[in-house]
């Protein structure tokens, strides 16, 4: 029974994540009427940092190696920093609908780039995930 409950909670969390992600474009567009893109990103990252800071207080983790930390910082530069910078900046000049449609092409773009540069094979699961 616990497994069924965990599955329902997991799917519920995924549905909520998708809803919040979709609504974030509209909320950002509205917020841009009062804030600059940089201010909005600062508020967004500060809020997220508070939540993650609270999580870190509850969880114990191993220290990261220097190489892992370097890779993590490089990754963080692209996602979320550059991702949210461009998303928020573009929202200032276009509609939330157009922005979300552009963002929704990311999985297709990543799949194509991984086929071209990493020589990965496209599996049916990849196609199903994109659809």
C-alpha atoms as a PDB file:
ATOM      1  CA  UNK A   1       0.000   0.000   0.000  1.00  0.00           C
ATOM      2  CA  UNK A   2       2.875   2.357   0.777  1.00  0.00           C
ATOM      3  CA  UNK A   3       4.221   1.927  -2.770  1.00  0.00           C
ATOM      4  CA  UNK A   4       0.854   2.918  -4.258  1.00  0.00           C
ATOM      5  CA  UNK A   5       0.708   5.972  -2.003  1.00  0.00           C
ATOM      6  CA  UNK A   6       4.260   6.969  -2.987  1.00  0.00           C
ATOM      7  CA  UNK A   7       3.381   6.580  -6.678  1.00  0.00           C
ATOM      8  CA  UNK A   8       0.323   8.813  -6.294  1.00  0.00           C
ATOM      9  CA  UNK A   9       2.375  11.405  -4.411  1.00  0.00           C
ATOM     10  CA  UNK A  10       5.094  11.298  -7.092  1.00  0.00           C
ATOM     11  CA  UNK A  11       2.596  11.781  -9.934  1.00  0.00           C
ATOM     12  CA  UNK A  12       0.846  14.523  -7.988  1.00  0.00           C
ATOM     13  CA  UNK A  13       4.166  16.302  -7.481  1.00  0.00           C
ATOM     14  CA  UNK A  14       4.929  16.010 -11.203  1.00  0.00           C
ATOM     15  CA  UNK A  15       1.532  17.453 -12.135  1.00  0.00           C
ATOM     16  CA  UNK A  16       2.042  20.352  -9.717  1.00  0.00           C
ATOM     17  CA  UNK A  17       5.537  20.979 -11.101  1.00  0.00           C
ATOM     18  CA  UNK A  18       4.185  21.177 -14.658  1.00  0.00           C
ATOM     19  CA  UNK A  19       1.372  23.505 -13.571  1.00  0.00           C
ATOM     20  CA  UNK A  20       3.756  25.829 -11.703  1.00  0.00           C
ATOM     21  CA  UNK A  21       6.221  25.760 -14.596  1.00  0.00           C
ATOM     22  CA  UNK A  22       3.475  26.691 -17.048  1.00  0.00           C
ATOM     23  CA  UNK A  23       2.118  29.445 -14.820  1.00  0.00           C
ATOM     24  CA  UNK A  24       5.592  30.881 -14.274  1.00  0.00           C
ATOM     25  CA  UNK A  25       5.578  32.382 -17.783  1.00  0.00           C
ATOM     26  CA  UNK A  26       2.363  34.279 -17.066  1.00  0.00           C
ATOM     27  CA  UNK A  27       3.507  35.314 -13.587  1.00  0.00           C
ATOM     28  CA  UNK A  28       6.843  36.528 -14.967  1.00  0.00           C
ATOM     29  CA  UNK A  29       5.130  38.519 -17.714  1.00  0.00           C
ATOM     30  CA  UNK A  30       2.922  40.229 -15.115  1.00  0.00           C
ATOM     31  CA  UNK A  31       5.879  40.848 -12.771  1.00  0.00           C
ATOM     32  CA  UNK A  32       7.860  42.444 -15.610  1.00  0.00           C
ATOM     33  CA  UNK A  33       5.326  45.291 -15.591  1.00  0.00           C
ATOM     34  CA  UNK A  34       6.757  46.310 -12.198  1.00  0.00           C
ATOM     35  CA  UNK A  35      10.332  44.979 -12.217  1.00  0.00           C
ATOM     36  CA  UNK A  36      13.293  44.894 -14.581  1.00  0.00           C
ATOM     37  CA  UNK A  37      14.406  41.459 -15.813  1.00  0.00           C
ATOM     38  CA  UNK A  38      17.477  41.530 -13.535  1.00  0.00           C
ATOM     39  CA  UNK A  39      15.413  42.451 -10.470  1.00  0.00           C
ATOM     40  CA  UNK A  40      12.914  39.708 -11.207  1.00  0.00           C
ATOM     41  CA  UNK A  41      15.688  37.126 -11.626  1.00  0.00           C
ATOM     42  CA  UNK A  42      17.279  38.304  -8.371  1.00  0.00           C
ATOM     43  CA  UNK A  43      13.977  37.896  -6.511  1.00  0.00           C
ATOM     44  CA  UNK A  44      13.412  34.480  -8.071  1.00  0.00           C
ATOM     45  CA  UNK A  45      16.899  33.198  -7.248  1.00  0.00           C
ATOM     46  CA  UNK A  46      16.827  34.662  -3.724  1.00  0.00           C
ATOM     47  CA  UNK A  47      13.531  32.938  -2.986  1.00  0.00           C
ATOM     48  CA  UNK A  48      14.834  29.630  -4.355  1.00  0.00           C
ATOM     49  CA  UNK A  49      18.050  30.017  -2.346  1.00  0.00           C
ATOM     50  CA  UNK A  50      16.065  30.420   0.868  1.00  0.00           C
ATOM     51  CA  UNK A  51      14.119  27.221   0.207  1.00  0.00           C
ATOM     52  CA  UNK A  52      17.233  25.267  -0.740  1.00  0.00           C
ATOM     53  CA  UNK A  53      19.045  26.668   2.296  1.00  0.00           C
ATOM     54  CA  UNK A  54      16.275  25.327   4.522  1.00  0.00           C
ATOM     55  CA  UNK A  55      16.549  21.942   2.821  1.00  0.00           C
ATOM     56  CA  UNK A  56      20.309  21.895   3.364  1.00  0.00           C
ATOM     57  CA  UNK A  57      19.790  22.464   7.079  1.00  0.00           C
ATOM     58  CA  UNK A  58      17.701  19.293   7.254  1.00  0.00           C
ATOM     59  CA  UNK A  59      19.831  17.095   4.968  1.00  0.00           C
ATOM     60  CA  UNK A  60      23.368  15.979   5.422  1.00  0.00           C
ATOM     61  CA  UNK A  61      25.518  15.504   2.364  1.00  0.00           C
ATOM     62  CA  UNK A  62      29.076  14.669   1.475  1.00  0.00           C
ATOM     63  CA  UNK A  63      31.419  17.506   0.536  1.00  0.00           C
ATOM     64  CA  UNK A  64      31.946  17.909  -3.208  1.00  0.00           C
ATOM     65  CA  UNK A  65      35.315  17.311  -4.830  1.00  0.00           C
ATOM     66  CA  UNK A  66      36.997  20.257  -6.543  1.00  0.00           C
ATOM     67  CA  UNK A  67      36.269  18.740  -9.984  1.00  0.00           C
ATOM     68  CA  UNK A  68      32.597  18.103  -9.126  1.00  0.00           C
ATOM     69  CA  UNK A  69      32.234  21.638  -7.791  1.00  0.00           C
ATOM     70  CA  UNK A  70      33.770  23.079 -10.985  1.00  0.00           C
ATOM     71  CA  UNK A  71      31.396  21.010 -13.147  1.00  0.00           C
ATOM     72  CA  UNK A  72      28.434  21.972 -10.962  1.00  0.00           C
ATOM     73  CA  UNK A  73      29.253  25.676 -11.218  1.00  0.00           C
ATOM     74  CA  UNK A  74      29.601  25.407 -15.001  1.00  0.00           C
ATOM     75  CA  UNK A  75      26.271  23.624 -15.192  1.00  0.00           C
ATOM     76  CA  UNK A  76      24.670  26.237 -12.918  1.00  0.00           C
ATOM     77  CA  UNK A  77      25.867  28.981 -15.259  1.00  0.00           C
ATOM     78  CA  UNK A  78      23.786  27.520 -18.072  1.00  0.00           C
ATOM     79  CA  UNK A  79      20.872  26.199 -16.042  1.00  0.00           C
ATOM     80  CA  UNK A  80      19.403  28.097 -14.251  1.00  0.00           C
ATOM     81  CA  UNK A  81      21.353  31.375 -14.664  1.00  0.00           C
ATOM     82  CA  UNK A  82      21.467  31.832 -18.451  1.00  0.00           C
ATOM     83  CA  UNK A  83      18.175  29.988 -18.969  1.00  0.00           C
ATOM     84  CA  UNK A  84      16.235  32.313 -16.672  1.00  0.00           C
ATOM     85  CA  UNK A  85      18.099  35.397 -17.884  1.00  0.00           C
ATOM     86  CA  UNK A  86      17.089  34.761 -21.494  1.00  0.00           C
ATOM     87  CA  UNK A  87      13.577  33.582 -20.611  1.00  0.00           C
ATOM     88  CA  UNK A  88      12.872  36.669 -18.501  1.00  0.00           C
ATOM     89  CA  UNK A  89      14.520  39.057 -20.945  1.00  0.00           C
ATOM     90  CA  UNK A  90      12.528  37.635 -23.888  1.00  0.00           C
ATOM     91  CA  UNK A  91       9.275  37.841 -21.909  1.00  0.00           C
ATOM     92  CA  UNK A  92       9.777  41.590 -21.711  1.00  0.00           C
ATOM     93  CA  UNK A  93       9.453  41.804 -25.500  1.00  0.00           C
ATOM     94  CA  UNK A  94       6.967  39.082 -26.426  1.00  0.00           C
ATOM     95  CA  UNK A  95       3.986  37.180 -25.073  1.00  0.00           C
ATOM     96  CA  UNK A  96       4.065  34.435 -22.460  1.00  0.00           C
ATOM     97  CA  UNK A  97       2.496  32.079 -25.016  1.00  0.00           C
ATOM     98  CA  UNK A  98       5.228  32.605 -27.610  1.00  0.00           C
ATOM     99  CA  UNK A  99       7.936  32.294 -24.974  1.00  0.00           C
ATOM    100  CA  UNK A 100       6.531  29.036 -23.598  1.00  0.00           C
ATOM    101  CA  UNK A 101       6.265  27.610 -27.120  1.00  0.00           C
ATOM    102  CA  UNK A 102       9.904  28.436 -27.788  1.00  0.00           C
ATOM    103  CA  UNK A 103      10.955  26.920 -24.468  1.00  0.00           C
ATOM    104  CA  UNK A 104       8.956  23.777 -25.232  1.00  0.00           C
ATOM    105  CA  UNK A 105      11.261  23.083 -28.194  1.00  0.00           C
ATOM    106  CA  UNK A 106      14.206  22.503 -25.826  1.00  0.00           C
ATOM    107  CA  UNK A 107      13.715  18.695 -25.606  1.00  0.00           C
ATOM    108  CA  UNK A 108      13.693  18.388 -29.404  1.00  0.00           C
ATOM    109  CA  UNK A 109      16.767  20.606 -29.706  1.00  0.00           C
ATOM    110  CA  UNK A 110      18.641  18.633 -27.043  1.00  0.00           C
ATOM    111  CA  UNK A 111      17.753  15.354 -28.747  1.00  0.00           C
ATOM    112  CA  UNK A 112      18.940  16.615 -32.137  1.00  0.00           C
ATOM    113  CA  UNK A 113      22.184  18.014 -30.693  1.00  0.00           C
ATOM    114  CA  UNK A 114      22.881  14.781 -28.807  1.00  0.00           C
ATOM    115  CA  UNK A 115      22.416  12.808 -32.029  1.00  0.00           C
ATOM    116  CA  UNK A 116      24.727  15.146 -33.961  1.00  0.00           C
ATOM    117  CA  UNK A 117      27.478  15.732 -31.397  1.00  0.00           C
ATOM    118  CA  UNK A 118      27.311  12.741 -29.059  1.00  0.00           C
ATOM    119  CA  UNK A 119      26.254  10.218 -31.699  1.00  0.00           C
ATOM    120  CA  UNK A 120      23.410   9.021 -29.473  1.00  0.00           C
ATOM    121  CA  UNK A 121      20.705   6.867 -30.968  1.00  0.00           C
ATOM    122  CA  UNK A 122      17.088   8.026 -30.869  1.00  0.00           C
ATOM    123  CA  UNK A 123      15.036   5.521 -28.919  1.00  0.00           C
ATOM    124  CA  UNK A 124      11.255   5.188 -28.944  1.00  0.00           C
ATOM    125  CA  UNK A 125      11.256   6.329 -25.312  1.00  0.00           C
ATOM    126  CA  UNK A 126      12.918   9.611 -26.388  1.00  0.00           C
ATOM    127  CA  UNK A 127      10.224  10.221 -28.995  1.00  0.00           C
ATOM    128  CA  UNK A 128       7.453   9.318 -26.536  1.00  0.00           C
ATOM    129  CA  UNK A 129       8.901  11.729 -23.975  1.00  0.00           C
ATOM    130  CA  UNK A 130       8.966  14.575 -26.470  1.00  0.00           C
ATOM    131  CA  UNK A 131       5.420  13.900 -27.635  1.00  0.00           C
END
